[in-house]
Protein backbone atom coordinates (compact mmCIF):
# COMPACT_ATOMS: atom_id res chain seq x y z
CA MET A 1 247.38 298.15 -66.24
CA LYS A 2 245.03 296.56 -63.72
CA HIS A 3 246.58 294.97 -60.63
CA LEU A 4 244.51 292.70 -58.43
CA ILE A 5 245.82 291.94 -54.94
CA ILE A 6 244.22 289.20 -52.88
CA GLY A 7 244.83 290.00 -49.22
CA ASN A 8 245.13 293.25 -47.26
CA GLY A 9 247.83 292.09 -44.86
CA ILE A 10 251.39 293.40 -44.79
CA ALA A 11 252.35 291.63 -48.04
CA GLY A 12 249.37 293.01 -49.92
CA ILE A 13 249.71 296.57 -48.58
CA ASN A 14 253.46 296.69 -49.24
CA ALA A 15 252.88 295.45 -52.77
CA ALA A 16 250.28 298.15 -53.38
CA GLN A 17 252.63 300.83 -52.06
CA ALA A 18 255.42 299.59 -54.34
CA ILE A 19 253.15 299.56 -57.38
CA ARG A 20 251.84 303.04 -56.66
CA HIS A 21 255.38 304.34 -56.15
CA LEU A 22 256.28 303.34 -59.71
CA ASP A 23 252.94 303.83 -61.42
CA ALA A 24 250.58 306.63 -60.41
CA GLU A 25 247.98 305.68 -63.02
CA ALA A 26 247.65 301.91 -62.59
CA GLU A 27 244.36 300.52 -61.34
CA ILE A 28 244.71 298.58 -58.08
CA VAL A 29 241.92 296.42 -56.66
CA MET A 30 242.39 294.75 -53.28
CA VAL A 31 240.19 291.87 -52.10
CA SER A 32 240.19 290.68 -48.49
CA ASP A 33 237.97 288.41 -46.46
CA GLU A 34 238.57 290.69 -43.45
CA ARG A 35 236.90 294.07 -43.06
CA PHE A 36 239.31 295.44 -40.46
CA PRO A 37 241.93 297.94 -41.74
CA PRO A 38 245.41 296.50 -42.36
CA TYR A 39 246.82 295.44 -38.99
CA SER A 40 249.80 293.83 -37.29
CA ARG A 41 248.95 290.16 -37.05
CA PRO A 42 251.87 289.39 -34.66
CA MET A 43 250.38 291.86 -32.18
CA ILE A 44 247.16 289.92 -31.60
CA SER A 45 248.95 287.88 -28.93
CA GLN A 46 249.90 291.14 -27.17
CA VAL A 47 246.27 292.21 -27.25
CA LEU A 48 245.36 288.86 -25.68
CA ASP A 49 247.93 289.21 -22.87
CA GLY A 50 246.93 292.83 -22.22
CA SER A 51 250.25 294.46 -23.06
CA GLN A 52 248.68 296.32 -26.02
CA PRO A 53 245.14 297.64 -26.53
CA HIS A 54 243.11 296.41 -29.50
CA GLU A 55 243.12 299.85 -31.10
CA LYS A 56 246.92 299.66 -31.52
CA LEU A 57 246.60 296.75 -33.97
CA SER A 58 246.00 298.91 -37.04
CA LEU A 59 248.99 299.68 -39.25
CA HIS A 60 247.01 302.20 -41.25
CA SER A 61 243.65 303.87 -41.02
CA GLU A 62 240.95 303.07 -43.55
CA ASP A 63 242.23 306.11 -45.46
CA ILE A 64 245.12 303.96 -46.75
CA TYR A 65 242.88 302.78 -49.59
CA LYS A 66 242.12 306.36 -50.62
CA THR A 67 245.74 307.45 -50.15
CA LEU A 68 247.00 304.71 -52.48
CA ASP A 69 243.99 304.99 -54.80
CA ILE A 70 242.99 301.37 -54.15
CA THR A 71 239.52 299.99 -54.83
CA PRO A 72 238.90 297.83 -51.72
CA VAL A 73 236.60 294.81 -51.82
CA LEU A 74 236.36 293.82 -48.15
CA GLY A 75 234.63 290.96 -46.39
CA ALA A 76 234.84 288.91 -49.57
CA ARG A 77 236.67 285.62 -50.07
CA VAL A 78 237.99 284.51 -53.45
CA THR A 79 236.56 281.11 -54.38
CA ALA A 80 238.00 280.53 -57.86
CA LEU A 81 240.80 281.71 -60.15
CA ASP A 82 240.54 281.36 -63.93
CA VAL A 83 243.99 281.55 -65.49
CA ASP A 84 242.69 281.69 -69.07
CA THR A 85 240.25 284.59 -68.59
CA ARG A 86 242.57 286.18 -66.02
CA SER A 87 239.81 286.68 -63.51
CA VAL A 88 238.74 285.61 -60.02
CA ARG A 89 235.31 284.81 -58.67
CA LEU A 90 234.14 285.78 -55.19
CA ALA A 91 231.78 283.89 -52.89
CA ASP A 92 228.85 286.03 -54.07
CA ASP A 93 229.71 285.17 -57.73
CA THR A 94 231.17 288.61 -58.42
CA GLN A 95 233.91 288.35 -61.05
CA ILE A 96 237.00 290.59 -61.11
CA ASP A 97 239.45 290.57 -64.00
CA PHE A 98 243.11 291.53 -63.87
CA ASP A 99 246.23 292.06 -65.91
CA ARG A 100 248.55 291.11 -63.06
CA LEU A 101 247.63 289.28 -59.89
CA LEU A 102 249.25 289.02 -56.46
CA ILE A 103 248.12 286.14 -54.27
CA ALA A 104 248.78 287.35 -50.73
CA SER A 105 245.80 285.65 -49.14
CA GLY A 106 247.79 284.59 -46.08
CA ALA A 107 247.18 281.39 -44.17
CA ASP A 108 244.27 279.77 -42.41
CA ALA A 109 244.48 278.07 -39.04
CA ARG A 110 244.96 274.32 -39.35
CA LYS A 111 241.59 272.85 -38.41
CA LEU A 112 241.22 270.43 -35.54
CA LYS A 113 239.19 267.32 -36.31
CA ALA A 114 237.34 266.66 -33.07
CA GLY A 115 233.79 266.25 -31.86
CA GLY A 116 231.99 269.11 -30.15
CA MET A 117 233.69 271.88 -32.11
CA GLU A 118 230.35 273.72 -32.29
CA LEU A 119 230.45 274.47 -28.55
CA GLU A 120 230.98 278.05 -27.42
CA ASN A 121 234.38 279.32 -26.23
CA ILE A 122 236.45 277.19 -28.63
CA PHE A 123 238.68 279.44 -30.71
CA TYR A 124 241.49 279.51 -33.18
CA MET A 125 244.04 282.32 -32.91
CA ARG A 126 244.72 283.86 -36.29
CA THR A 127 242.81 287.12 -36.76
CA GLU A 128 241.88 290.25 -34.87
CA ALA A 129 238.30 288.95 -34.81
CA HIS A 130 239.50 285.82 -33.00
CA VAL A 131 241.23 287.81 -30.28
CA ARG A 132 238.19 290.08 -29.84
CA GLN A 133 236.03 287.01 -29.27
CA GLN A 134 238.59 285.57 -26.84
CA LEU A 135 238.67 288.75 -24.77
CA THR A 136 234.89 288.65 -24.46
CA ALA A 137 234.98 284.98 -23.43
CA ILE A 138 237.70 285.51 -20.80
CA ASP A 139 235.17 287.28 -18.57
CA GLY A 140 233.69 284.44 -16.55
CA ALA A 141 236.29 281.87 -17.64
CA SER A 142 238.72 280.31 -15.17
CA GLN A 143 240.29 277.26 -16.83
CA GLY A 144 242.02 277.74 -20.16
CA LEU A 145 243.11 274.90 -22.40
CA VAL A 146 245.61 275.45 -25.20
CA LEU A 147 246.15 272.86 -27.90
CA GLY A 148 249.53 273.00 -29.59
CA GLY A 149 253.01 273.80 -28.35
CA GLY A 150 254.22 275.93 -31.25
CA LEU A 151 254.53 279.69 -31.37
CA VAL A 152 250.79 280.31 -31.52
CA GLY A 153 250.05 277.88 -28.70
CA PHE A 154 252.80 279.31 -26.53
CA LYS A 155 251.63 282.89 -27.03
CA ALA A 156 248.03 281.91 -26.34
CA ALA A 157 248.99 280.13 -23.11
CA TYR A 158 251.09 283.08 -22.00
CA GLY A 159 248.24 285.48 -22.72
CA LEU A 160 245.70 283.47 -20.75
CA LEU A 161 248.09 283.14 -17.81
CA LYS A 162 248.61 286.89 -17.81
CA ARG A 163 244.83 287.32 -17.76
CA GLY A 164 244.63 285.27 -14.56
CA LEU A 165 243.35 281.94 -15.87
CA LYS A 166 244.65 278.55 -14.86
CA VAL A 167 246.07 277.15 -18.10
CA THR A 168 246.84 273.68 -19.36
CA MET A 169 248.79 273.18 -22.59
CA LEU A 170 248.40 269.88 -24.45
CA ILE A 171 251.01 269.09 -27.08
CA THR A 172 251.70 266.01 -29.16
CA SER A 173 255.48 266.51 -29.21
CA GLY A 174 257.83 266.07 -26.29
CA TYR A 175 258.34 269.75 -25.46
CA PRO A 176 257.12 273.24 -26.47
CA LEU A 177 258.34 274.95 -29.64
CA SER A 178 259.67 271.67 -31.03
CA MET A 179 259.65 273.06 -34.59
CA GLN A 180 261.83 276.00 -33.55
CA VAL A 181 264.24 274.69 -30.90
CA ASP A 182 266.04 271.50 -29.93
CA GLU A 183 265.21 269.40 -26.88
CA VAL A 184 267.61 271.11 -24.47
CA ALA A 185 266.15 274.53 -25.26
CA GLY A 186 262.63 273.12 -25.24
CA ARG A 187 263.09 271.68 -21.76
CA MET A 188 264.44 275.00 -20.50
CA ILE A 189 261.41 276.80 -21.89
CA MET A 190 259.04 274.23 -20.43
CA SER A 191 260.64 274.52 -16.98
CA GLU A 192 260.17 278.29 -17.11
CA LEU A 193 256.51 277.92 -18.05
CA LEU A 194 255.90 275.36 -15.32
CA ALA A 195 257.55 277.62 -12.77
CA HIS A 196 255.02 280.34 -13.61
CA GLY A 197 251.94 278.19 -13.22
CA LEU A 198 251.38 276.62 -16.64
CA THR A 199 250.46 272.93 -16.69
CA VAL A 200 252.06 271.19 -19.69
CA ARG A 201 251.17 267.71 -20.83
CA VAL A 202 253.17 266.19 -23.67
CA GLY A 203 252.42 263.34 -26.05
CA VAL A 204 248.63 263.77 -25.81
CA SER A 205 245.89 264.60 -28.31
CA VAL A 206 242.26 265.73 -28.07
CA THR A 207 239.49 263.76 -29.80
CA GLY A 208 236.49 265.82 -28.71
CA PHE A 209 234.86 268.37 -26.44
CA GLU A 210 231.86 268.14 -24.13
CA GLY A 211 229.56 270.71 -22.58
CA ASN A 212 226.03 272.07 -22.54
CA GLY A 213 226.22 274.78 -25.19
CA ARG A 214 229.56 275.96 -23.84
CA VAL A 215 232.71 273.89 -23.62
CA ALA A 216 233.28 272.28 -20.21
CA ARG A 217 235.66 269.38 -20.90
CA ALA A 218 238.13 268.10 -23.48
CA VAL A 219 238.26 264.38 -24.19
CA LEU A 220 241.72 262.92 -24.71
CA GLU A 221 242.51 260.00 -26.98
CA ASN A 222 242.93 257.74 -23.92
CA GLY A 223 239.41 258.63 -22.73
CA GLU A 224 240.55 260.99 -19.99
CA ARG A 225 238.65 264.25 -19.56
CA VAL A 226 240.25 267.63 -18.84
CA SER A 227 238.09 270.44 -17.43
CA CYS A 228 238.14 273.74 -19.34
CA ASP A 229 235.81 276.63 -20.09
CA LEU A 230 237.91 278.34 -22.76
CA VAL A 231 239.93 276.62 -25.49
CA ILE A 232 242.43 278.09 -27.93
CA ILE A 233 243.66 275.89 -30.76
CA GLY A 234 247.13 276.63 -32.09
CA LYS A 235 247.99 273.67 -34.31
CA GLY A 236 249.74 275.62 -37.04
CA VAL A 237 248.56 277.20 -40.27
CA LEU A 238 248.19 276.27 -43.94
CA PRO A 239 248.45 278.65 -46.91
CA ALA A 240 244.99 279.88 -47.95
CA LEU A 241 245.02 278.44 -51.46
CA ASP A 242 241.71 276.61 -51.79
CA PHE A 243 240.85 278.69 -54.91
CA ILE A 244 244.05 277.89 -56.81
CA PRO A 245 243.77 275.63 -59.91
CA ARG A 246 246.62 273.26 -59.12
CA ASP A 247 246.60 271.82 -62.61
CA ARG A 248 247.56 275.27 -63.94
CA ILE A 249 249.67 276.85 -61.19
CA ARG A 250 252.51 274.93 -59.57
CA VAL A 251 251.81 274.42 -55.87
CA ASP A 252 253.64 272.37 -53.26
CA LEU A 253 252.81 273.53 -49.72
CA GLY A 254 252.75 277.08 -51.06
CA ILE A 255 252.75 278.57 -54.55
CA VAL A 256 256.15 277.85 -56.08
CA VAL A 257 257.72 281.15 -57.12
CA ASP A 258 260.91 282.26 -58.87
CA ASP A 259 263.35 284.85 -57.59
CA CYS A 260 260.97 287.62 -58.71
CA LEU A 261 258.13 285.95 -56.76
CA GLN A 262 256.32 285.09 -59.98
CA SER A 263 254.45 281.80 -60.15
CA SER A 264 254.57 279.27 -62.97
CA VAL A 265 252.00 281.44 -64.78
CA PRO A 266 253.42 284.74 -66.09
CA GLY A 267 251.83 287.77 -64.47
CA ILE A 268 250.62 285.89 -61.40
CA TYR A 269 252.71 286.43 -58.26
CA ALA A 270 252.62 285.24 -54.65
CA ALA A 271 253.92 286.77 -51.42
CA GLY A 272 253.73 286.13 -47.70
CA ASP A 273 252.32 282.93 -46.24
CA THR A 274 251.24 281.70 -49.69
CA ALA A 275 254.68 281.87 -51.31
CA GLU A 276 257.16 279.00 -51.44
CA ALA A 277 260.53 280.58 -52.18
CA ILE A 278 264.12 279.52 -51.59
CA ASP A 279 265.05 279.23 -47.92
CA ILE A 280 268.54 280.63 -47.43
CA ALA A 281 269.45 278.21 -44.63
CA ARG A 282 267.93 275.04 -46.08
CA GLN A 283 268.88 275.89 -49.68
CA THR A 284 265.57 274.52 -50.86
CA ARG A 285 262.05 275.83 -51.34
CA TRP A 286 260.18 276.55 -48.11
CA VAL A 287 257.25 278.55 -46.76
CA ASN A 288 258.52 280.83 -43.99
CA ALA A 289 255.28 282.27 -42.68
CA ILE A 290 256.72 285.14 -40.67
CA TRP A 291 255.90 288.84 -40.70
CA PRO A 292 259.23 290.34 -41.88
CA GLU A 293 259.43 287.98 -44.86
CA ALA A 294 255.83 288.77 -45.83
CA ALA A 295 256.67 292.48 -45.71
CA ALA A 296 259.78 292.06 -47.88
CA GLN A 297 258.09 289.73 -50.34
CA GLY A 298 255.15 292.07 -50.78
CA ARG A 299 257.41 294.96 -51.71
CA VAL A 300 259.48 292.87 -54.14
CA ALA A 301 256.39 291.39 -55.78
CA GLY A 302 254.84 294.84 -56.19
CA LEU A 303 257.95 296.26 -57.84
CA ASN A 304 258.08 293.35 -60.28
CA MET A 305 254.36 293.66 -61.03
CA ALA A 306 254.93 297.32 -61.88
CA GLY A 307 257.72 296.46 -64.30
CA ARG A 308 260.91 296.93 -62.28
CA ARG A 309 262.81 293.65 -62.09
CA VAL A 310 263.93 293.08 -58.50
CA ARG A 311 265.34 289.82 -57.21
CA TYR A 312 264.19 288.37 -53.89
CA PRO A 313 267.26 286.88 -52.13
CA GLY A 314 265.37 284.14 -50.29
CA SER A 315 263.66 283.79 -46.92
CA LEU A 316 265.02 283.00 -43.49
CA SER A 317 263.10 281.87 -40.43
CA ARG A 318 263.75 283.79 -37.22
CA ASN A 319 261.93 284.53 -33.99
CA VAL A 320 262.77 286.48 -30.85
CA MET A 321 260.58 286.19 -27.78
CA ARG A 322 260.57 286.71 -24.05
CA VAL A 323 259.46 283.72 -21.97
CA TYR A 324 259.20 285.24 -18.51
CA ASP A 325 262.87 285.41 -17.44
CA LEU A 326 264.24 283.80 -20.62
CA ASP A 327 265.22 285.64 -23.79
CA VAL A 328 264.83 283.20 -26.67
CA MET A 329 266.07 283.63 -30.22
CA THR A 330 265.98 281.17 -33.10
CA VAL A 331 267.25 281.77 -36.61
CA GLY A 332 267.54 279.59 -39.68
CA TYR A 333 267.30 275.81 -39.70
CA ALA A 334 267.80 275.49 -35.97
CA ASN A 335 266.45 272.01 -35.29
CA PRO A 336 267.14 269.62 -38.19
CA GLY A 337 266.57 265.89 -38.01
CA LYS A 338 269.32 263.67 -36.66
CA ASP A 339 269.91 261.94 -40.00
CA GLU A 340 269.98 265.00 -42.27
CA GLY A 341 273.77 265.38 -42.34
CA PHE A 342 274.10 268.47 -40.16
CA ARG A 343 276.58 269.10 -37.35
CA GLN A 344 275.50 270.69 -34.08
CA VAL A 345 277.71 272.29 -31.44
CA SER A 346 276.28 273.62 -28.19
CA THR A 347 277.16 275.01 -24.80
CA GLY A 348 275.29 275.88 -21.62
CA GLY A 349 272.06 274.32 -20.45
CA GLU A 350 269.43 274.59 -17.77
CA ASN A 351 271.90 274.56 -14.89
CA GLN A 352 273.99 277.30 -16.48
CA GLY A 353 271.05 279.65 -17.10
CA TYR A 354 271.85 280.09 -20.78
CA TYR A 355 272.12 277.96 -23.91
CA ARG A 356 273.67 278.33 -27.33
CA SER A 357 273.31 275.84 -30.16
CA LEU A 358 274.77 276.29 -33.64
CA VAL A 359 273.92 274.07 -36.59
CA PHE A 360 276.30 273.65 -39.52
CA ARG A 361 276.24 272.04 -42.93
CA ASP A 362 279.92 271.47 -43.62
CA ASP A 363 281.45 274.82 -42.56
CA ILE A 364 278.37 276.94 -43.30
CA LEU A 365 276.24 278.06 -40.36
CA VAL A 366 272.59 277.29 -41.13
CA GLY A 367 270.82 277.67 -37.77
CA ALA A 368 271.10 278.88 -34.19
CA VAL A 369 269.19 278.70 -30.92
CA LEU A 370 270.03 281.17 -28.16
CA ILE A 371 268.54 281.29 -24.68
CA ASN A 372 269.74 284.33 -22.76
CA ARG A 373 272.98 285.98 -23.87
CA ILE A 374 271.34 286.67 -27.23
CA GLU A 375 273.26 289.88 -27.96
CA GLN A 376 275.17 288.36 -30.89
CA GLY A 377 272.07 286.95 -32.53
CA GLY A 378 272.14 289.57 -35.27
CA VAL A 379 275.69 288.61 -36.20
CA LEU A 380 274.74 284.95 -36.36
CA ARG A 381 271.85 285.84 -38.64
CA ALA A 382 274.25 287.75 -40.93
CA LEU A 383 276.57 284.74 -41.06
CA ILE A 384 273.67 282.54 -42.14
CA GLU A 385 272.28 284.99 -44.69
CA ASN A 386 275.66 285.58 -46.29
CA ARG A 387 276.71 281.92 -46.08
CA ILE A 388 280.13 282.84 -44.71
CA PRO A 389 282.35 279.80 -44.00
CA VAL A 390 283.15 279.27 -40.31
CA ARG A 391 286.45 277.47 -39.79
CA VAL A 392 287.05 278.23 -36.11
CA PRO A 393 287.46 275.18 -33.81
CA ALA A 394 284.30 274.42 -31.84
CA ASN A 395 285.91 274.90 -28.41
CA ILE A 396 286.90 278.45 -29.34
CA LEU A 397 283.66 279.19 -31.15
CA MET A 398 281.58 278.24 -28.14
CA SER A 399 283.69 279.98 -25.51
CA PRO A 400 281.66 282.60 -23.56
CA GLY A 401 283.67 285.59 -24.76
CA PHE A 402 283.95 284.73 -28.47
CA ASN A 403 283.08 287.67 -30.72
CA PHE A 404 281.26 286.34 -33.77
CA SER A 405 281.54 289.66 -35.59
CA LYS A 406 285.18 288.77 -36.31
CA LEU A 407 283.88 286.18 -38.76
CA LEU A 408 282.17 288.85 -40.89
CA LYS A 409 285.44 290.60 -41.75
């Protein structure tokens, strides 16, 4: 049996380990467009802010390929997949066949359409190579500009601030982390960032950059110019699926998979940022591009590829971060639209120094936002994952001393 794995991130490596655990003789080939050994992608922001050295990124040494008896094909991007011949083609026209395939190619940074993108010191923030380039550019830079107020943009802005740059964040929404938190939480986070020297401008977009070889200014859609000598773009990611024949494999945002992470084509699986599986909170298909889900999906996909049927229970979004003096936790579908039929109860706010928001569909908890006092976040996650009905009156539920673990019994 020949297994081909596209991607050497956490999903791909976990799949390979699962396959090798069950089958010592199977052939495993791993293709990746990165040459660096498997590494912790979430840690690149910590390398940028200086809290971790670059050498700590690696999850495994290069010996992992030998240890798992993997044939690595590194620095090579897959350009085509032929379902009928069960083979892939690489950029150099090399062809690799397979019996079973895992598509764990991750995600690419969402590209910014703007003039002047060829100027130096304009970066995305997705790979270890990106952060290495950023660290080189920081020497001699003084004015950082971050585009995007999501998780990547926030972490980039924090990192540049910690490195001593003056930083401006430009976001199109009304507050940072608008995809993760509601407006009250977003305003609390923005106030904390402003208090520590970050300049935040909302409702603005960039149309181009100017400079003489190196970026010196960003041009806003209203014609205004903002000085900068280092730019990081964090406008989200898209699954890296440009090689997928969409007339043969079912794709929405990601590759649509069943509860064994198999695609619409038998023997072809997806895991990590490429996989669109059931979201436990939303109860619909969703791409949750977060590290722990990629790790779990990789293992489940690998076991199924090796012949052991294992069901994946579904994915769940969650993030925990420290924003200076604020502990922030989000889990599940924490910020649904106003007209989607959800019920929200909340307590606290900026003047109280903490905030808790719970989102329900009927009596099922589907999402939560916590700012400070996050100790019961794990219990809230368990309530969401297990879809346990919550029938406690809101005034009791939101009281400061309420113990949510009672609801698990």
